Amino acid sequence: MSITFYAATYEAARNCFVPVEQDDRLNVSNTNGREILESLDLEFVDGGLDPIDINDFIARCRTYVKRVEGFDEPELPSHTSRSLYGPTIIECGRSENYLKTRIAQLLMECEAGLKLNATHVYAC
């Protein structure tokens, strides 16, 4: 399973958030999505992120990027867990500096979304 991050506007007539038209949207595994949100001091709720003000989200991304500047994140190898009668669980692992790279990518996508009048960010 995976989650995708969206820059969106609130559409009052439909009482919902509508993603802005963007070429790229970050899609990551649930495990990596949870790690990204926790790195930004946000809560992973029901498999994603409830809508948050886009300026707050951008500020969190900028703070994270500055905080980890000059530090390298180790690579996490993938592995598979099998049990005799249970499911097979595959942990996809992460490349070196994965979180730093993905959060920087989110920052760029949200800044682009802001230029398209996005007011919020959510993930599902």
PDB file of N, CA and C in Angstrom:
ATOM      1  N   MET A   1       0.844  -1.177   0.000  1.00  0.00           N
ATOM      2  CA  MET A   1       0.000   0.000   0.000  1.00  0.00           C
ATOM      3  C   MET A   1       0.885   1.235   0.000  1.00  0.00           C
ATOM      4  N   SER A   2       0.304   2.336  -0.452  1.00  0.00           N
ATOM      5  CA  SER A   2       1.080   3.567  -0.531  1.00  0.00           C
ATOM      6  C   SER A   2       0.186   4.766  -0.223  1.00  0.00           C
ATOM      7  N   ILE A   3       0.841   5.902  -0.029  1.00  0.00           N
ATOM      8  CA  ILE A   3       0.107   7.147   0.150  1.00  0.00           C
ATOM      9  C   ILE A   3       0.686   8.180  -0.811  1.00  0.00           C
ATOM     10  N   THR A   4      -0.172   9.093  -1.229  1.00  0.00           N
ATOM     11  CA  THR A   4       0.200  10.170  -2.142  1.00  0.00           C
ATOM     12  C   THR A   4      -0.089  11.497  -1.455  1.00  0.00           C
ATOM     13  N   PHE A   5       0.828  12.433  -1.610  1.00  0.00           N
ATOM     14  CA  PHE A   5       0.672  13.771  -1.046  1.00  0.00           C
ATOM     15  C   PHE A   5       0.069  14.697  -2.102  1.00  0.00           C
ATOM     16  N   TYR A   6      -0.904  15.518  -1.694  1.00  0.00           N
ATOM     17  CA  TYR A   6      -1.611  16.416  -2.609  1.00  0.00           C
ATOM     18  C   TYR A   6      -1.602  17.845  -2.074  1.00  0.00           C
ATOM     19  N   ALA A   7      -1.321  18.818  -2.943  1.00  0.00           N
ATOM     20  CA  ALA A   7      -1.578  20.230  -2.656  1.00  0.00           C
ATOM     21  C   ALA A   7      -2.999  20.483  -3.166  1.00  0.00           C
ATOM     22  N   ALA A   8      -3.829  21.135  -2.357  1.00  0.00           N
ATOM     23  CA  ALA A   8      -5.240  21.237  -2.710  1.00  0.00           C
ATOM     24  C   ALA A   8      -5.848  22.567  -2.279  1.00  0.00           C
ATOM     25  N   THR A   9      -7.004  22.847  -2.851  1.00  0.00           N
ATOM     26  CA  THR A   9      -7.815  23.990  -2.429  1.00  0.00           C
ATOM     27  C   THR A   9      -9.114  23.452  -1.841  1.00  0.00           C
ATOM     28  N   TYR A  10      -9.701  24.223  -0.939  1.00  0.00           N
ATOM     29  CA  TYR A  10     -10.980  23.819  -0.357  1.00  0.00           C
ATOM     30  C   TYR A  10     -12.097  24.355  -1.235  1.00  0.00           C
ATOM     31  N   GLU A  11     -12.994  23.479  -1.635  1.00  0.00           N
ATOM     32  CA  GLU A  11     -14.125  23.864  -2.466  1.00  0.00           C
ATOM     33  C   GLU A  11     -15.376  23.821  -1.601  1.00  0.00           C
ATOM     34  N   ALA A  12     -15.806  24.994  -1.158  1.00  0.00           N
ATOM     35  CA  ALA A  12     -16.909  25.087  -0.199  1.00  0.00           C
ATOM     36  C   ALA A  12     -18.210  24.514  -0.748  1.00  0.00           C
ATOM     37  N   ALA A  13     -18.485  24.717  -2.027  1.00  0.00           N
ATOM     38  CA  ALA A  13     -19.743  24.243  -2.614  1.00  0.00           C
ATOM     39  C   ALA A  13     -19.874  22.725  -2.494  1.00  0.00           C
ATOM     40  N   ARG A  14     -18.762  22.024  -2.604  1.00  0.00           N
ATOM     41  CA  ARG A  14     -18.773  20.563  -2.496  1.00  0.00           C
ATOM     42  C   ARG A  14     -18.302  20.083  -1.132  1.00  0.00           C
ATOM     43  N   ASN A  15     -17.873  21.018  -0.273  1.00  0.00           N
ATOM     44  CA  ASN A  15     -17.375  20.715   1.064  1.00  0.00           C
ATOM     45  C   ASN A  15     -16.264  19.657   1.015  1.00  0.00           C
ATOM     46  N   CYS A  16     -15.269  19.924   0.135  1.00  0.00           N
ATOM     47  CA  CYS A  16     -14.161  18.976   0.015  1.00  0.00           C
ATOM     48  C   CYS A  16     -12.902  19.692  -0.474  1.00  0.00           C
ATOM     49  N   PHE A  17     -11.782  19.000  -0.333  1.00  0.00           N
ATOM     50  CA  PHE A  17     -10.512  19.505  -0.835  1.00  0.00           C
ATOM     51  C   PHE A  17     -10.270  18.925  -2.219  1.00  0.00           C
ATOM     52  N   VAL A  18      -9.901  19.787  -3.151  1.00  0.00           N
ATOM     53  CA  VAL A  18      -9.678  19.379  -4.531  1.00  0.00           C
ATOM     54  C   VAL A  18      -8.205  19.605  -4.861  1.00  0.00           C
ATOM     55  N   PRO A  19      -7.497  18.549  -5.282  1.00  0.00           N
ATOM     56  CA  PRO A  19      -6.085  18.714  -5.620  1.00  0.00           C
ATOM     57  C   PRO A  19      -5.891  19.696  -6.774  1.00  0.00           C
ATOM     58  N   VAL A  20      -4.854  20.506  -6.695  1.00  0.00           N
ATOM     59  CA  VAL A  20      -4.512  21.384  -7.812  1.00  0.00           C
ATOM     60  C   VAL A  20      -3.862  20.534  -8.900  1.00  0.00           C
ATOM     61  N   GLU A  21      -3.919  21.012 -10.120  1.00  0.00           N
ATOM     62  CA  GLU A  21      -3.337  20.278 -11.251  1.00  0.00           C
ATOM     63  C   GLU A  21      -1.824  20.393 -11.210  1.00  0.00           C
ATOM     64  N   GLN A  22      -1.151  19.288 -10.935  1.00  0.00           N
ATOM     65  CA  GLN A  22       0.304  19.236 -10.908  1.00  0.00           C
ATOM     66  C   GLN A  22       0.775  18.019 -11.676  1.00  0.00           C
ATOM     67  N   ASP A  23       1.936  18.157 -12.300  1.00  0.00           N
ATOM     68  CA  ASP A  23       2.500  17.035 -13.050  1.00  0.00           C
ATOM     69  C   ASP A  23       3.004  15.940 -12.120  1.00  0.00           C
ATOM     70  N   ASP A  24       3.582  16.334 -10.996  1.00  0.00           N
ATOM     71  CA  ASP A  24       4.185  15.367 -10.082  1.00  0.00           C
ATOM     72  C   ASP A  24       3.511  15.404  -8.727  1.00  0.00           C
ATOM     73  N   ARG A  25       3.322  14.222  -8.174  1.00  0.00           N
ATOM     74  CA  ARG A  25       2.842  14.078  -6.807  1.00  0.00           C
ATOM     75  C   ARG A  25       3.681  12.986  -6.164  1.00  0.00           C
ATOM     76  N   LEU A  26       4.104  13.240  -4.943  1.00  0.00           N
ATOM     77  CA  LEU A  26       4.927  12.261  -4.253  1.00  0.00           C
ATOM     78  C   LEU A  26       4.070  11.094  -3.790  1.00  0.00           C
ATOM     79  N   ASN A  27       4.444   9.891  -4.198  1.00  0.00           N
ATOM     80  CA  ASN A  27       3.780   8.666  -3.778  1.00  0.00           C
ATOM     81  C   ASN A  27       4.840   7.775  -3.144  1.00  0.00           C
ATOM     82  N   VAL A  28       4.588   7.350  -1.906  1.00  0.00           N
ATOM     83  CA  VAL A  28       5.548   6.529  -1.162  1.00  0.00           C
ATOM     84  C   VAL A  28       4.811   5.394  -0.457  1.00  0.00           C
ATOM     85  N   SER A  29       5.567   4.415  -0.007  1.00  0.00           N
ATOM     86  CA  SER A  29       4.956   3.324   0.757  1.00  0.00           C
ATOM     87  C   SER A  29       4.382   3.881   2.055  1.00  0.00           C
ATOM     88  N   ASN A  30       3.443   3.147   2.644  1.00  0.00           N
ATOM     89  CA  ASN A  30       2.868   3.585   3.923  1.00  0.00           C
ATOM     90  C   ASN A  30       3.939   3.769   4.990  1.00  0.00           C
ATOM     91  N   THR A  31       4.887   2.840   5.048  1.00  0.00           N
ATOM     92  CA  THR A  31       5.947   2.931   6.050  1.00  0.00           C
ATOM     93  C   THR A  31       6.772   4.199   5.851  1.00  0.00           C
ATOM     94  N   ASN A  32       7.176   4.462   4.618  1.00  0.00           N
ATOM     95  CA  ASN A  32       7.961   5.668   4.353  1.00  0.00           C
ATOM     96  C   ASN A  32       7.120   6.933   4.534  1.00  0.00           C
ATOM     97  N   GLY A  33       5.835   6.859   4.190  1.00  0.00           N
ATOM     98  CA  GLY A  33       4.948   8.005   4.410  1.00  0.00           C
ATOM     99  C   GLY A  33       4.830   8.353   5.885  1.00  0.00           C
ATOM    100  N   ARG A  34       4.703   7.317   6.714  1.00  0.00           N
ATOM    101  CA  ARG A  34       4.645   7.525   8.166  1.00  0.00           C
ATOM    102  C   ARG A  34       5.942   8.177   8.652  1.00  0.00           C
ATOM    103  N   GLU A  35       7.080   7.694   8.155  1.00  0.00           N
ATOM    104  CA  GLU A  35       8.380   8.268   8.545  1.00  0.00           C
ATOM    105  C   GLU A  35       8.501   9.729   8.115  1.00  0.00           C
ATOM    106  N   ILE A  36       8.022  10.046   6.924  1.00  0.00           N
ATOM    107  CA  ILE A  36       8.056  11.431   6.450  1.00  0.00           C
ATOM    108  C   ILE A  36       7.220  12.310   7.377  1.00  0.00           C
ATOM    109  N   LEU A  37       5.995  11.875   7.662  1.00  0.00           N
ATOM    110  CA  LEU A  37       5.116  12.678   8.522  1.00  0.00           C
ATOM    111  C   LEU A  37       5.696  12.835   9.923  1.00  0.00           C
ATOM    112  N   GLU A  38       6.232  11.758  10.483  1.00  0.00           N
ATOM    113  CA  GLU A  38       6.832  11.853  11.811  1.00  0.00           C
ATOM    114  C   GLU A  38       8.042  12.785  11.798  1.00  0.00           C
ATOM    115  N   SER A  39       8.804  12.789  10.710  1.00  0.00           N
ATOM    116  CA  SER A  39       9.953  13.697  10.593  1.00  0.00           C
ATOM    117  C   SER A  39       9.513  15.153  10.567  1.00  0.00           C
ATOM    118  N   LEU A  40       8.281  15.390  10.123  1.00  0.00           N
ATOM    119  CA  LEU A  40       7.727  16.748  10.067  1.00  0.00           C
ATOM    120  C   LEU A  40       6.857  17.056  11.289  1.00  0.00           C
ATOM    121  N   ASP A  41       6.921  16.199  12.298  1.00  0.00           N
ATOM    122  CA  ASP A  41       6.114  16.343  13.514  1.00  0.00           C
ATOM    123  C   ASP A  41       4.617  16.378  13.211  1.00  0.00           C
ATOM    124  N   LEU A  42       4.200  15.510  12.294  1.00  0.00           N
ATOM    125  CA  LEU A  42       2.788  15.378  11.942  1.00  0.00           C
ATOM    126  C   LEU A  42       2.343  13.960  12.227  1.00  0.00           C
ATOM    127  N   GLU A  43       1.055  13.800  12.448  1.00  0.00           N
ATOM    128  CA  GLU A  43       0.512  12.497  12.807  1.00  0.00           C
ATOM    129  C   GLU A  43      -0.019  11.765  11.582  1.00  0.00           C
ATOM    130  N   PHE A  44       0.343  10.515  11.471  1.00  0.00           N
ATOM    131  CA  PHE A  44      -0.142   9.612  10.427  1.00  0.00           C
ATOM    132  C   PHE A  44      -1.487   9.085  10.909  1.00  0.00           C
ATOM    133  N   VAL A  45      -2.587   9.541  10.299  1.00  0.00           N
ATOM    134  CA  VAL A  45      -3.927   9.198  10.765  1.00  0.00           C
ATOM    135  C   VAL A  45      -4.678   8.454   9.667  1.00  0.00           C
ATOM    136  N   ASP A  46      -5.218   7.309  10.003  1.00  0.00           N
ATOM    137  CA  ASP A  46      -6.031   6.527   9.054  1.00  0.00           C
ATOM    138  C   ASP A  46      -5.353   6.376   7.697  1.00  0.00           C
ATOM    139  N   GLY A  47      -4.059   6.094   7.700  1.00  0.00           N
ATOM    140  CA  GLY A  47      -3.345   5.847   6.457  1.00  0.00           C
ATOM    141  C   GLY A  47      -2.940   7.082   5.701  1.00  0.00           C
ATOM    142  N   GLY A  48      -2.894   8.233   6.358  1.00  0.00           N
ATOM    143  CA  GLY A  48      -2.496   9.447   5.650  1.00  0.00           C
ATOM    144  C   GLY A  48      -2.388  10.648   6.560  1.00  0.00           C
ATOM    145  N   LEU A  49      -2.626  11.803   5.970  1.00  0.00           N
ATOM    146  CA  LEU A  49      -2.539  13.086   6.665  1.00  0.00           C
ATOM    147  C   LEU A  49      -3.820  13.858   6.423  1.00  0.00           C
ATOM    148  N   ASP A  50      -4.474  14.285   7.501  1.00  0.00           N
ATOM    149  CA  ASP A  50      -5.635  15.158   7.353  1.00  0.00           C
ATOM    150  C   ASP A  50      -5.159  16.491   6.778  1.00  0.00           C
ATOM    151  N   PRO A  51      -6.047  17.236   6.087  1.00  0.00           N
ATOM    152  CA  PRO A  51      -5.623  18.502   5.488  1.00  0.00           C
ATOM    153  C   PRO A  51      -4.968  19.437   6.508  1.00  0.00           C
ATOM    154  N   ILE A  52      -3.853  20.030   6.096  1.00  0.00           N
ATOM    155  CA  ILE A  52      -3.103  20.974   6.914  1.00  0.00           C
ATOM    156  C   ILE A  52      -2.810  22.197   6.051  1.00  0.00           C
ATOM    157  N   ASP A  53      -2.776  23.362   6.663  1.00  0.00           N
ATOM    158  CA  ASP A  53      -2.475  24.595   5.943  1.00  0.00           C
ATOM    159  C   ASP A  53      -1.158  24.440   5.180  1.00  0.00           C
ATOM    160  N   ILE A  54      -1.164  24.808   3.910  1.00  0.00           N
ATOM    161  CA  ILE A  54       0.014  24.594   3.073  1.00  0.00           C
ATOM    162  C   ILE A  54       1.223  25.391   3.559  1.00  0.00           C
ATOM    163  N   ASN A  55       0.992  26.584   4.107  1.00  0.00           N
ATOM    164  CA  ASN A  55       2.117  27.381   4.609  1.00  0.00           C
ATOM    165  C   ASN A  55       2.757  26.725   5.829  1.00  0.00           C
ATOM    166  N   ASP A  56       1.949  26.124   6.682  1.00  0.00           N
ATOM    167  CA  ASP A  56       2.470  25.387   7.832  1.00  0.00           C
ATOM    168  C   ASP A  56       3.281  24.190   7.347  1.00  0.00           C
ATOM    169  N   PHE A  57       2.761  23.475   6.359  1.00  0.00           N
ATOM    170  CA  PHE A  57       3.460  22.304   5.829  1.00  0.00           C
ATOM    171  C   PHE A  57       4.795  22.706   5.199  1.00  0.00           C
ATOM    172  N   ILE A  58       4.795  23.773   4.430  1.00  0.00           N
ATOM    173  CA  ILE A  58       6.032  24.257   3.805  1.00  0.00           C
ATOM    174  C   ILE A  58       7.044  24.642   4.873  1.00  0.00           C
ATOM    175  N   ALA A  59       6.590  25.314   5.910  1.00  0.00           N
ATOM    176  CA  ALA A  59       7.496  25.713   7.001  1.00  0.00           C
ATOM    177  C   ALA A  59       8.103  24.482   7.677  1.00  0.00           C
ATOM    178  N   ARG A  60       7.313  23.443   7.882  1.00  0.00           N
ATOM    179  CA  ARG A  60       7.819  22.207   8.485  1.00  0.00           C
ATOM    180  C   ARG A  60       8.868  21.550   7.590  1.00  0.00           C
ATOM    181  N   CYS A  61       8.610  21.533   6.281  1.00  0.00           N
ATOM    182  CA  CYS A  61       9.583  20.966   5.339  1.00  0.00           C
ATOM    183  C   CYS A  61      10.883  21.760   5.366  1.00  0.00           C
ATOM    184  N   ARG A  62      10.785  23.076   5.350  1.00  0.00           N
ATOM    185  CA  ARG A  62      11.994  23.921   5.378  1.00  0.00           C
ATOM    186  C   ARG A  62      12.785  23.702   6.660  1.00  0.00           C
ATOM    187  N   THR A  63      12.085  23.608   7.782  1.00  0.00           N
ATOM    188  CA  THR A  63      12.753  23.378   9.064  1.00  0.00           C
ATOM    189  C   THR A  63      13.486  22.046   9.045  1.00  0.00           C
ATOM    190  N   TYR A  64      12.851  21.013   8.522  1.00  0.00           N
ATOM    191  CA  TYR A  64      13.487  19.689   8.460  1.00  0.00           C
ATOM    192  C   TYR A  64      14.727  19.735   7.574  1.00  0.00           C
ATOM    193  N   VAL A  65      14.594  20.325   6.390  1.00  0.00           N
ATOM    194  CA  VAL A  65      15.717  20.382   5.447  1.00  0.00           C
ATOM    195  C   VAL A  65      16.910  21.109   6.078  1.00  0.00           C
ATOM    196  N   LYS A  66      16.643  22.206   6.770  1.00  0.00           N
ATOM    197  CA  LYS A  66      17.733  22.940   7.433  1.00  0.00           C
ATOM    198  C   LYS A  66      18.340  22.119   8.569  1.00  0.00           C
ATOM    199  N   ARG A  67      17.495  21.431   9.330  1.00  0.00           N
ATOM    200  CA  ARG A  67      17.953  20.664  10.489  1.00  0.00           C
ATOM    201  C   ARG A  67      18.881  19.515  10.085  1.00  0.00           C
ATOM    202  N   VAL A  68      18.640  18.892   8.953  1.00  0.00           N
ATOM    203  CA  VAL A  68      19.437  17.721   8.556  1.00  0.00           C
ATOM    204  C   VAL A  68      20.559  18.060   7.578  1.00  0.00           C
ATOM    205  N   GLU A  69      20.665  19.329   7.232  1.00  0.00           N
ATOM    206  CA  GLU A  69      21.719  19.729   6.297  1.00  0.00           C
ATOM    207  C   GLU A  69      23.085  19.323   6.853  1.00  0.00           C
ATOM    208  N   GLY A  70      23.876  18.669   6.028  1.00  0.00           N
ATOM    209  CA  GLY A  70      25.205  18.239   6.450  1.00  0.00           C
ATOM    210  C   GLY A  70      25.240  16.862   7.100  1.00  0.00           C
ATOM    211  N   PHE A  71      24.086  16.260   7.331  1.00  0.00           N
ATOM    212  CA  PHE A  71      24.023  14.919   7.917  1.00  0.00           C
ATOM    213  C   PHE A  71      23.542  13.936   6.863  1.00  0.00           C
ATOM    214  N   ASP A  72      24.123  12.759   6.849  1.00  0.00           N
ATOM    215  CA  ASP A  72      23.691  11.713   5.928  1.00  0.00           C
ATOM    216  C   ASP A  72      22.843  10.687   6.661  1.00  0.00           C
ATOM    217  N   GLU A  73      21.778  10.253   6.009  1.00  0.00           N
ATOM    218  CA  GLU A  73      20.931   9.191   6.533  1.00  0.00           C
ATOM    219  C   GLU A  73      21.432   7.869   5.953  1.00  0.00           C
ATOM    220  N   PRO A  74      21.559   6.849   6.767  1.00  0.00           N
ATOM    221  CA  PRO A  74      22.041   5.564   6.237  1.00  0.00           C
ATOM    222  C   PRO A  74      20.991   4.892   5.357  1.00  0.00           C
ATOM    223  N   GLU A  75      21.463   4.066   4.476  1.00  0.00           N
ATOM    224  CA  GLU A  75      20.581   3.238   3.666  1.00  0.00           C
ATOM    225  C   GLU A  75      19.948   2.178   4.570  1.00  0.00           C
ATOM    226  N   LEU A  76      18.683   1.880   4.318  1.00  0.00           N
ATOM    227  CA  LEU A  76      18.004   0.800   5.035  1.00  0.00           C
ATOM    228  C   LEU A  76      17.698  -0.291   4.025  1.00  0.00           C
ATOM    229  N   PRO A  77      18.279  -1.469   4.186  1.00  0.00           N
ATOM    230  CA  PRO A  77      18.053  -2.534   3.204  1.00  0.00           C
ATOM    231  C   PRO A  77      16.620  -3.067   3.268  1.00  0.00           C
ATOM    232  N   SER A  78      16.156  -3.568   2.151  1.00  0.00           N
ATOM    233  CA  SER A  78      14.833  -4.197   2.136  1.00  0.00           C
ATOM    234  C   SER A  78      14.949  -5.595   2.741  1.00  0.00           C
ATOM    235  N   HIS A  79      13.851  -6.078   3.270  1.00  0.00           N
ATOM    236  CA  HIS A  79      13.829  -7.442   3.780  1.00  0.00           C
ATOM    237  C   HIS A  79      12.403  -7.991   3.759  1.00  0.00           C
ATOM    238  N   THR A  80      12.322  -9.290   3.791  1.00  0.00           N
ATOM    239  CA  THR A  80      11.038  -9.976   3.735  1.00  0.00           C
ATOM    240  C   THR A  80      10.873 -10.836   4.982  1.00  0.00           C
ATOM    241  N   SER A  81       9.689 -10.753   5.583  1.00  0.00           N
ATOM    242  CA  SER A  81       9.368 -11.581   6.746  1.00  0.00           C
ATOM    243  C   SER A  81       8.284 -12.570   6.336  1.00  0.00           C
ATOM    244  N   ARG A  82       8.551 -13.823   6.581  1.00  0.00           N
ATOM    245  CA  ARG A  82       7.569 -14.863   6.261  1.00  0.00           C
ATOM    246  C   ARG A  82       7.276 -15.669   7.507  1.00  0.00           C
ATOM    247  N   SER A  83       6.012 -16.019   7.659  1.00  0.00           N
ATOM    248  CA  SER A  83       5.652 -16.939   8.733  1.00  0.00           C
ATOM    249  C   SER A  83       4.907 -18.110   8.097  1.00  0.00           C
ATOM    250  N   LEU A  84       4.889 -19.210   8.772  1.00  0.00           N
ATOM    251  CA  LEU A  84       4.328 -20.431   8.205  1.00  0.00           C
ATOM    252  C   LEU A  84       2.862 -20.264   7.792  1.00  0.00           C
ATOM    253  N   TYR A  85       2.050 -19.624   8.653  1.00  0.00           N
ATOM    254  CA  TYR A  85       0.615 -19.511   8.367  1.00  0.00           C
ATOM    255  C   TYR A  85       0.139 -18.071   8.220  1.00  0.00           C
ATOM    256  N   GLY A  86       1.050 -17.109   8.292  1.00  0.00           N
ATOM    257  CA  GLY A  86       0.663 -15.707   8.200  1.00  0.00           C
ATOM    258  C   GLY A  86       1.083 -15.100   6.876  1.00  0.00           C
ATOM    259  N   PRO A  87       0.927 -13.812   6.782  1.00  0.00           N
ATOM    260  CA  PRO A  87       1.263 -13.134   5.533  1.00  0.00           C
ATOM    261  C   PRO A  87       2.769 -12.994   5.341  1.00  0.00           C
ATOM    262  N   THR A  88       3.148 -12.741   4.126  1.00  0.00           N
ATOM    263  CA  THR A  88       4.528 -12.369   3.818  1.00  0.00           C
ATOM    264  C   THR A  88       4.581 -10.850   3.836  1.00  0.00           C
ATOM    265  N   ILE A  89       5.477 -10.299   4.620  1.00  0.00           N
ATOM    266  CA  ILE A  89       5.593  -8.844   4.744  1.00  0.00           C
ATOM    267  C   ILE A  89       6.921  -8.418   4.127  1.00  0.00           C
ATOM    268  N   ILE A  90       6.828  -7.488   3.184  1.00  0.00           N
ATOM    269  CA  ILE A  90       8.021  -6.997   2.504  1.00  0.00           C
ATOM    270  C   ILE A  90       8.243  -5.548   2.916  1.00  0.00           C
ATOM    271  N   GLU A  91       9.380  -5.298   3.536  1.00  0.00           N
ATOM    272  CA  GLU A  91       9.789  -3.938   3.872  1.00  0.00           C
ATOM    273  C   GLU A  91      10.645  -3.444   2.711  1.00  0.00           C
ATOM    274  N   CYS A  92      10.238  -2.345   2.092  1.00  0.00           N
ATOM    275  CA  CYS A  92      10.886  -1.930   0.851  1.00  0.00           C
ATOM    276  C   CYS A  92      12.252  -1.276   1.058  1.00  0.00           C
ATOM    277  N   GLY A  93      12.596  -0.919   2.282  1.00  0.00           N
ATOM    278  CA  GLY A  93      13.894  -0.300   2.529  1.00  0.00           C
ATOM    279  C   GLY A  93      13.936   1.137   2.017  1.00  0.00           C
ATOM    280  N   ARG A  94      15.099   1.741   2.143  1.00  0.00           N
ATOM    281  CA  ARG A  94      15.273   3.127   1.690  1.00  0.00           C
ATOM    282  C   ARG A  94      16.712   3.331   1.248  1.00  0.00           C
ATOM    283  N   SER A  95      16.890   4.153   0.241  1.00  0.00           N
ATOM    284  CA  SER A  95      18.234   4.514  -0.198  1.00  0.00           C
ATOM    285  C   SER A  95      18.825   5.536   0.771  1.00  0.00           C
ATOM    286  N   GLU A  96      20.109   5.748   0.681  1.00  0.00           N
ATOM    287  CA  GLU A  96      20.784   6.736   1.523  1.00  0.00           C
ATOM    288  C   GLU A  96      20.133   8.104   1.300  1.00  0.00           C
ATOM    289  N   ASN A  97      19.915   8.828   2.389  1.00  0.00           N
ATOM    290  CA  ASN A  97      19.314  10.175   2.367  1.00  0.00           C
ATOM    291  C   ASN A  97      17.895  10.200   1.800  1.00  0.00           C
ATOM    292  N   TYR A  98      17.184   9.096   1.927  1.00  0.00           N
ATOM    293  CA  TYR A  98      15.836   8.983   1.370  1.00  0.00           C
ATOM    294  C   TYR A  98      14.889  10.054   1.924  1.00  0.00           C
ATOM    295  N   LEU A  99      14.794  10.161   3.245  1.00  0.00           N
ATOM    296  CA  LEU A  99      13.852  11.122   3.840  1.00  0.00           C
ATOM    297  C   LEU A  99      14.209  12.553   3.449  1.00  0.00           C
ATOM    298  N   LYS A 100      15.480  12.867   3.503  1.00  0.00           N
ATOM    299  CA  LYS A 100      15.935  14.212   3.137  1.00  0.00           C
ATOM    300  C   LYS A 100      15.525  14.534   1.695  1.00  0.00           C
ATOM    301  N   THR A 101      15.734  13.584   0.803  1.00  0.00           N
ATOM    302  CA  THR A 101      15.403  13.778  -0.611  1.00  0.00           C
ATOM    303  C   THR A 101      13.902  13.914  -0.812  1.00  0.00           C
ATOM    304  N   ARG A 102      13.133  13.051  -0.184  1.00  0.00           N
ATOM    305  CA  ARG A 102      11.674  13.088  -0.364  1.00  0.00           C
ATOM    306  C   ARG A 102      11.049  14.343   0.245  1.00  0.00           C
ATOM    307  N   ILE A 103      11.531  14.766   1.388  1.00  0.00           N
ATOM    308  CA  ILE A 103      10.967  15.970   2.003  1.00  0.00           C
ATOM    309  C   ILE A 103      11.340  17.209   1.185  1.00  0.00           C
ATOM    310  N   ALA A 104      12.538  17.241   0.617  1.00  0.00           N
ATOM    311  CA  ALA A 104      12.921  18.341  -0.277  1.00  0.00           C
ATOM    312  C   ALA A 104      12.022  18.338  -1.516  1.00  0.00           C
ATOM    313  N   GLN A 105      11.695  17.151  -2.017  1.00  0.00           N
ATOM    314  CA  GLN A 105      10.789  17.037  -3.158  1.00  0.00           C
ATOM    315  C   GLN A 105       9.392  17.536  -2.793  1.00  0.00           C
ATOM    316  N   LEU A 106       8.912  17.159  -1.608  1.00  0.00           N
ATOM    317  CA  LEU A 106       7.612  17.645  -1.136  1.00  0.00           C
ATOM    318  C   LEU A 106       7.598  19.164  -1.032  1.00  0.00           C
ATOM    319  N   LEU A 107       8.682  19.724  -0.524  1.00  0.00           N
ATOM    320  CA  LEU A 107       8.791  21.174  -0.398  1.00  0.00           C
ATOM    321  C   LEU A 107       8.615  21.834  -1.762  1.00  0.00           C
ATOM    322  N   MET A 108       9.324  21.337  -2.765  1.00  0.00           N
ATOM    323  CA  MET A 108       9.211  21.910  -4.114  1.00  0.00           C
ATOM    324  C   MET A 108       7.803  21.758  -4.675  1.00  0.00           C
ATOM    325  N   GLU A 109       7.189  20.596  -4.465  1.00  0.00           N
ATOM    326  CA  GLU A 109       5.834  20.368  -4.965  1.00  0.00           C
ATOM    327  C   GLU A 109       4.823  21.290  -4.279  1.00  0.00           C
ATOM    328  N   CYS A 110       4.986  21.493  -2.974  1.00  0.00           N
ATOM    329  CA  CYS A 110       4.058  22.361  -2.247  1.00  0.00           C
ATOM    330  C   CYS A 110       4.252  23.823  -2.619  1.00  0.00           C
ATOM    331  N   GLU A 111       5.489  24.235  -2.822  1.00  0.00           N
ATOM    332  CA  GLU A 111       5.730  25.611  -3.273  1.00  0.00           C
ATOM    333  C   GLU A 111       5.110  25.832  -4.653  1.00  0.00           C
ATOM    334  N   ALA A 112       5.205  24.835  -5.537  1.00  0.00           N
ATOM    335  CA  ALA A 112       4.561  24.923  -6.851  1.00  0.00           C
ATOM    336  C   ALA A 112       3.041  24.953  -6.688  1.00  0.00           C
ATOM    337  N   GLY A 113       2.509  24.136  -5.767  1.00  0.00           N
ATOM    338  CA  GLY A 113       1.074  24.134  -5.496  1.00  0.00           C
ATOM    339  C   GLY A 113       0.582  25.466  -4.961  1.00  0.00           C
ATOM    340  N   LEU A 114       1.390  26.083  -4.121  1.00  0.00           N
ATOM    341  CA  LEU A 114       1.029  27.395  -3.577  1.00  0.00           C
ATOM    342  C   LEU A 114       0.878  28.422  -4.704  1.00  0.00           C
ATOM    343  N   LYS A 115       1.749  28.341  -5.703  1.00  0.00           N
ATOM    344  CA  LYS A 115       1.657  29.246  -6.865  1.00  0.00           C
ATOM    345  C   LYS A 115       0.394  28.980  -7.676  1.00  0.00           C
ATOM    346  N   LEU A 116      -0.172  27.780  -7.514  1.00  0.00           N
ATOM    347  CA  LEU A 116      -1.421  27.424  -8.194  1.00  0.00           C
ATOM    348  C   LEU A 116      -2.626  27.622  -7.275  1.00  0.00           C
ATOM    349  N   ASN A 117      -2.421  28.407  -6.221  1.00  0.00           N
ATOM    350  CA  ASN A 117      -3.475  28.772  -5.264  1.00  0.00           C
ATOM    351  C   ASN A 117      -3.902  27.662  -4.319  1.00  0.00           C
ATOM    352  N   ALA A 118      -3.073  26.658  -4.139  1.00  0.00           N
ATOM    353  CA  ALA A 118      -3.379  25.622  -3.146  1.00  0.00           C
ATOM    354  C   ALA A 118      -3.350  26.251  -1.757  1.00  0.00           C
ATOM    355  N   THR A 119      -4.233  25.776  -0.900  1.00  0.00           N
ATOM    356  CA  THR A 119      -4.327  26.305   0.468  1.00  0.00           C
ATOM    357  C   THR A 119      -3.974  25.252   1.519  1.00  0.00           C
ATOM    358  N   HIS A 120      -3.987  23.986   1.114  1.00  0.00           N
ATOM    359  CA  HIS A 120      -3.777  22.892   2.063  1.00  0.00           C
ATOM    360  C   HIS A 120      -2.963  21.769   1.422  1.00  0.00           C
ATOM    361  N   VAL A 121      -2.476  20.885   2.272  1.00  0.00           N
ATOM    362  CA  VAL A 121      -1.804  19.655   1.845  1.00  0.00           C
ATOM    363  C   VAL A 121      -2.480  18.517   2.594  1.00  0.00           C
ATOM    364  N   TYR A 122      -2.710  17.420   1.900  1.00  0.00           N
ATOM    365  CA  TYR A 122      -3.200  16.211   2.561  1.00  0.00           C
ATOM    366  C   TYR A 122      -2.549  15.008   1.897  1.00  0.00           C
ATOM    367  N   ALA A 123      -2.665  13.871   2.534  1.00  0.00           N
ATOM    368  CA  ALA A 123      -2.106  12.641   1.976  1.00  0.00           C
ATOM    369  C   ALA A 123      -3.054  11.487   2.253  1.00  0.00           C
ATOM    370  N   CYS A 124      -3.198  10.612   1.272  1.00  0.00           N
ATOM    371  CA  CYS A 124      -4.043   9.422   1.435  1.00  0.00           C
ATOM    372  C   CYS A 124      -3.551   8.335   0.507  1.00  0.00           C
TER     373      CYS A 124
END
